[in-house]
Amino acid sequence: MEEGGDAMETHTTYEEYLDSQITDTDMYYLESEDLARQLVELGYRGSGDTLKREEFEARKKALRERSTQKVRGPPTTKSPPAPAPLSLSHSF
């Protein structure tokens, strides 16, 4: 099973994530995509610990936020404006 960041990058929806753990044999015997997804979600199919929908969505959101920050770059602080040049001419 794809866990962590790899699953987040590969699958755009939670349903795609569940479907990635369903085999052709599962579909042969179950004959229902919805039933197969439910079994994966409950942990009866697939390998390892299956993410719950809330966990998947939270990780997906965190990944999007990290990607957005990388695109924008680190936050910058605005520098104050440079002081006006001083006049060096002086009348004696």
N, C-alpha and C. Protein backbone atom coordinates (compact mmCIF):
# COMPACT_ATOMS: atom_id res chain seq x y z
N MET A 1 0.84 -1.18 0.00
CA MET A 1 0.00 0.00 0.00
C MET A 1 0.87 1.23 0.00
N GLU A 2 0.38 2.25 -0.61
CA GLU A 2 1.10 3.50 -0.64
C GLU A 2 0.67 4.32 0.55
N GLU A 3 1.58 4.59 1.43
CA GLU A 3 1.28 5.33 2.64
C GLU A 3 2.05 6.63 2.59
N GLY A 4 1.57 7.62 3.31
CA GLY A 4 2.30 8.87 3.44
C GLY A 4 2.24 9.73 2.20
N GLY A 5 3.33 10.49 1.96
CA GLY A 5 3.37 11.47 0.89
C GLY A 5 3.19 10.89 -0.49
N ASP A 6 3.71 9.67 -0.72
CA ASP A 6 3.60 9.07 -2.04
C ASP A 6 2.14 8.87 -2.43
N ALA A 7 1.32 8.39 -1.51
CA ALA A 7 -0.10 8.20 -1.79
C ALA A 7 -0.78 9.53 -2.05
N MET A 8 -0.35 10.55 -1.34
CA MET A 8 -0.96 11.87 -1.50
C MET A 8 -0.66 12.44 -2.88
N GLU A 9 0.55 12.22 -3.37
CA GLU A 9 0.93 12.76 -4.67
C GLU A 9 0.32 11.96 -5.81
N THR A 10 0.12 10.67 -5.60
CA THR A 10 -0.36 9.79 -6.67
C THR A 10 -1.87 9.89 -6.85
N HIS A 11 -2.62 10.02 -5.77
CA HIS A 11 -4.08 9.95 -5.84
C HIS A 11 -4.69 11.32 -5.54
N THR A 12 -5.55 11.77 -6.44
CA THR A 12 -6.17 13.07 -6.26
C THR A 12 -7.40 13.01 -5.37
N THR A 13 -8.03 11.84 -5.28
CA THR A 13 -9.23 11.71 -4.44
C THR A 13 -9.08 10.52 -3.51
N TYR A 14 -9.88 10.52 -2.46
CA TYR A 14 -9.87 9.41 -1.51
C TYR A 14 -10.33 8.12 -2.19
N GLU A 15 -11.28 8.22 -3.11
CA GLU A 15 -11.77 7.05 -3.82
C GLU A 15 -10.66 6.42 -4.66
N GLU A 16 -9.85 7.25 -5.32
CA GLU A 16 -8.71 6.73 -6.10
C GLU A 16 -7.73 6.00 -5.18
N TYR A 17 -7.52 6.58 -3.99
CA TYR A 17 -6.64 5.96 -3.00
C TYR A 17 -7.17 4.58 -2.60
N LEU A 18 -8.48 4.47 -2.33
CA LEU A 18 -9.06 3.18 -1.99
C LEU A 18 -8.98 2.21 -3.17
N ASP A 19 -9.30 2.70 -4.36
CA ASP A 19 -9.29 1.86 -5.56
C ASP A 19 -7.90 1.26 -5.82
N SER A 20 -6.85 2.00 -5.44
CA SER A 20 -5.49 1.51 -5.69
C SER A 20 -5.19 0.26 -4.89
N GLN A 21 -6.00 -0.03 -3.88
CA GLN A 21 -5.77 -1.19 -3.03
C GLN A 21 -6.71 -2.35 -3.35
N ILE A 22 -7.56 -2.17 -4.35
CA ILE A 22 -8.50 -3.21 -4.76
C ILE A 22 -7.90 -4.00 -5.92
N THR A 23 -7.91 -5.31 -5.79
CA THR A 23 -7.33 -6.14 -6.85
C THR A 23 -8.44 -6.63 -7.80
N ASP A 24 -8.01 -7.17 -8.93
CA ASP A 24 -8.97 -7.76 -9.88
C ASP A 24 -9.70 -8.94 -9.23
N THR A 25 -8.99 -9.68 -8.39
CA THR A 25 -9.61 -10.80 -7.69
C THR A 25 -10.71 -10.30 -6.75
N ASP A 26 -10.45 -9.19 -6.05
CA ASP A 26 -11.47 -8.60 -5.19
C ASP A 26 -12.74 -8.30 -5.99
N MET A 27 -12.56 -7.68 -7.15
CA MET A 27 -13.71 -7.30 -7.97
C MET A 27 -14.42 -8.52 -8.53
N TYR A 28 -13.67 -9.58 -8.82
CA TYR A 28 -14.28 -10.81 -9.33
C TYR A 28 -15.26 -11.38 -8.30
N TYR A 29 -14.82 -11.44 -7.05
CA TYR A 29 -15.66 -12.04 -6.02
C TYR A 29 -16.71 -11.08 -5.46
N LEU A 30 -16.37 -9.83 -5.34
CA LEU A 30 -17.29 -8.87 -4.71
C LEU A 30 -18.30 -8.30 -5.70
N GLU A 31 -17.88 -8.12 -6.95
CA GLU A 31 -18.72 -7.59 -8.02
C GLU A 31 -19.30 -6.21 -7.72
N SER A 32 -18.74 -5.51 -6.76
CA SER A 32 -19.25 -4.17 -6.42
C SER A 32 -18.07 -3.29 -6.00
N GLU A 33 -17.87 -2.23 -6.75
CA GLU A 33 -16.79 -1.30 -6.43
C GLU A 33 -17.02 -0.65 -5.07
N ASP A 34 -18.27 -0.28 -4.78
CA ASP A 34 -18.57 0.36 -3.49
C ASP A 34 -18.29 -0.58 -2.32
N LEU A 35 -18.67 -1.84 -2.46
CA LEU A 35 -18.41 -2.81 -1.40
C LEU A 35 -16.91 -3.02 -1.22
N ALA A 36 -16.19 -3.11 -2.34
CA ALA A 36 -14.74 -3.29 -2.27
C ALA A 36 -14.09 -2.10 -1.56
N ARG A 37 -14.54 -0.88 -1.88
CA ARG A 37 -14.01 0.32 -1.21
C ARG A 37 -14.30 0.29 0.28
N GLN A 38 -15.50 -0.13 0.65
CA GLN A 38 -15.87 -0.19 2.07
C GLN A 38 -14.97 -1.17 2.81
N LEU A 39 -14.69 -2.31 2.19
CA LEU A 39 -13.83 -3.30 2.84
C LEU A 39 -12.40 -2.77 3.02
N VAL A 40 -11.90 -2.05 2.02
CA VAL A 40 -10.57 -1.44 2.15
C VAL A 40 -10.59 -0.40 3.25
N GLU A 41 -11.60 0.45 3.25
CA GLU A 41 -11.69 1.52 4.25
C GLU A 41 -11.77 0.96 5.67
N LEU A 42 -12.44 -0.17 5.83
CA LEU A 42 -12.56 -0.79 7.15
C LEU A 42 -11.32 -1.59 7.53
N GLY A 43 -10.41 -1.75 6.59
CA GLY A 43 -9.16 -2.45 6.89
C GLY A 43 -9.18 -3.93 6.60
N TYR A 44 -10.25 -4.43 5.98
CA TYR A 44 -10.33 -5.86 5.67
C TYR A 44 -9.59 -6.21 4.40
N ARG A 45 -9.32 -5.26 3.57
CA ARG A 45 -8.56 -5.46 2.33
C ARG A 45 -7.45 -4.44 2.29
N GLY A 46 -6.54 -4.64 1.37
CA GLY A 46 -5.41 -3.72 1.27
C GLY A 46 -4.31 -4.19 2.21
N SER A 47 -3.20 -3.52 2.14
CA SER A 47 -2.07 -3.90 2.99
C SER A 47 -1.74 -2.74 3.92
N GLY A 48 -1.44 -3.06 5.15
CA GLY A 48 -1.08 -2.03 6.10
C GLY A 48 -2.29 -1.30 6.63
N ASP A 49 -2.04 -0.17 7.24
CA ASP A 49 -3.12 0.65 7.79
C ASP A 49 -3.66 1.57 6.72
N THR A 50 -4.94 1.51 6.50
CA THR A 50 -5.59 2.36 5.51
C THR A 50 -5.95 3.69 6.16
N LEU A 51 -5.67 4.76 5.46
CA LEU A 51 -6.03 6.09 5.97
C LEU A 51 -7.53 6.27 5.94
N LYS A 52 -8.06 6.88 6.97
CA LYS A 52 -9.47 7.27 6.97
C LYS A 52 -9.60 8.51 6.09
N ARG A 53 -10.81 8.79 5.65
CA ARG A 53 -11.04 9.93 4.75
C ARG A 53 -10.50 11.23 5.35
N GLU A 54 -10.75 11.45 6.65
CA GLU A 54 -10.31 12.69 7.30
C GLU A 54 -8.78 12.79 7.29
N GLU A 55 -8.11 11.67 7.55
CA GLU A 55 -6.65 11.67 7.54
C GLU A 55 -6.12 11.95 6.13
N PHE A 56 -6.74 11.31 5.14
CA PHE A 56 -6.33 11.52 3.75
C PHE A 56 -6.49 12.99 3.37
N GLU A 57 -7.65 13.57 3.68
CA GLU A 57 -7.91 14.97 3.33
C GLU A 57 -6.95 15.91 4.06
N ALA A 58 -6.66 15.63 5.33
CA ALA A 58 -5.74 16.49 6.10
C ALA A 58 -4.34 16.43 5.51
N ARG A 59 -3.89 15.24 5.16
CA ARG A 59 -2.55 15.11 4.57
C ARG A 59 -2.49 15.76 3.19
N LYS A 60 -3.57 15.60 2.43
CA LYS A 60 -3.63 16.22 1.10
C LYS A 60 -3.56 17.74 1.22
N LYS A 61 -4.29 18.30 2.19
CA LYS A 61 -4.27 19.74 2.42
C LYS A 61 -2.88 20.22 2.83
N ALA A 62 -2.24 19.48 3.73
CA ALA A 62 -0.89 19.84 4.18
C ALA A 62 0.09 19.80 3.01
N LEU A 63 -0.04 18.82 2.15
CA LEU A 63 0.83 18.71 0.98
C LEU A 63 0.62 19.90 0.04
N ARG A 64 -0.65 20.28 -0.17
CA ARG A 64 -0.93 21.45 -1.02
C ARG A 64 -0.33 22.71 -0.43
N GLU A 65 -0.45 22.87 0.89
CA GLU A 65 0.09 24.06 1.54
C GLU A 65 1.62 24.11 1.42
N ARG A 66 2.27 22.96 1.61
CA ARG A 66 3.72 22.92 1.46
C ARG A 66 4.12 23.25 0.03
N SER A 67 3.37 22.72 -0.94
CA SER A 67 3.67 22.99 -2.34
C SER A 67 3.50 24.47 -2.65
N THR A 68 2.46 25.07 -2.10
CA THR A 68 2.20 26.49 -2.33
C THR A 68 3.33 27.33 -1.74
N GLN A 69 3.81 26.96 -0.56
CA GLN A 69 4.89 27.70 0.08
C GLN A 69 6.17 27.58 -0.73
N LYS A 70 6.43 26.41 -1.32
CA LYS A 70 7.63 26.23 -2.14
C LYS A 70 7.57 27.12 -3.38
N VAL A 71 6.38 27.22 -3.97
CA VAL A 71 6.22 28.04 -5.17
C VAL A 71 6.43 29.51 -4.85
N ARG A 72 5.83 29.95 -3.75
CA ARG A 72 5.95 31.36 -3.36
C ARG A 72 7.32 31.70 -2.81
N GLY A 73 7.98 30.73 -2.21
CA GLY A 73 9.25 30.99 -1.56
C GLY A 73 9.02 31.37 -0.12
N PRO A 74 10.11 31.56 0.61
CA PRO A 74 9.94 31.90 2.02
C PRO A 74 9.33 33.28 2.18
N PRO A 75 8.60 33.50 3.27
CA PRO A 75 8.01 34.81 3.48
C PRO A 75 9.11 35.86 3.63
N THR A 76 8.87 36.99 3.04
CA THR A 76 9.86 38.07 3.12
C THR A 76 9.31 39.20 3.96
N THR A 77 10.21 39.90 4.59
CA THR A 77 9.80 41.08 5.35
C THR A 77 10.08 42.29 4.48
N LYS A 78 9.18 43.19 4.49
CA LYS A 78 9.33 44.37 3.66
C LYS A 78 10.33 45.32 4.32
N SER A 79 11.33 45.71 3.58
CA SER A 79 12.33 46.62 4.11
C SER A 79 11.76 48.04 4.14
N PRO A 80 12.16 48.81 5.16
CA PRO A 80 11.70 50.20 5.18
C PRO A 80 12.34 50.95 4.02
N PRO A 81 11.72 52.02 3.57
CA PRO A 81 12.30 52.77 2.45
C PRO A 81 13.64 53.37 2.85
N ALA A 82 14.49 53.49 1.87
CA ALA A 82 15.82 54.08 2.11
C ALA A 82 15.65 55.55 2.47
N PRO A 83 16.49 56.08 3.36
CA PRO A 83 16.38 57.49 3.71
C PRO A 83 16.72 58.37 2.51
N ALA A 84 16.17 59.56 2.51
CA ALA A 84 16.46 60.51 1.43
C ALA A 84 17.93 60.89 1.49
N PRO A 85 18.57 61.11 0.34
CA PRO A 85 19.98 61.48 0.36
C PRO A 85 20.18 62.85 1.07
N LEU A 86 21.29 62.95 1.76
CA LEU A 86 21.61 64.19 2.48
C LEU A 86 22.27 65.17 1.52
N SER A 87 21.95 66.41 1.69
CA SER A 87 22.59 67.45 0.88
C SER A 87 23.89 67.83 1.57
N LEU A 88 25.01 67.73 0.86
CA LEU A 88 26.30 68.02 1.43
C LEU A 88 26.77 69.46 1.16
N SER A 89 25.98 70.21 0.42
CA SER A 89 26.39 71.59 0.15
C SER A 89 26.01 72.46 1.35
N HIS A 90 26.96 73.27 1.79
CA HIS A 90 26.74 74.11 2.95
C HIS A 90 27.29 75.51 2.62
N SER A 91 26.54 76.49 2.89
CA SER A 91 27.03 77.85 2.62
C SER A 91 27.73 78.39 3.85
N PHE A 92 28.97 78.90 3.69
CA PHE A 92 29.72 79.49 4.82
C PHE A 92 29.71 80.95 4.77
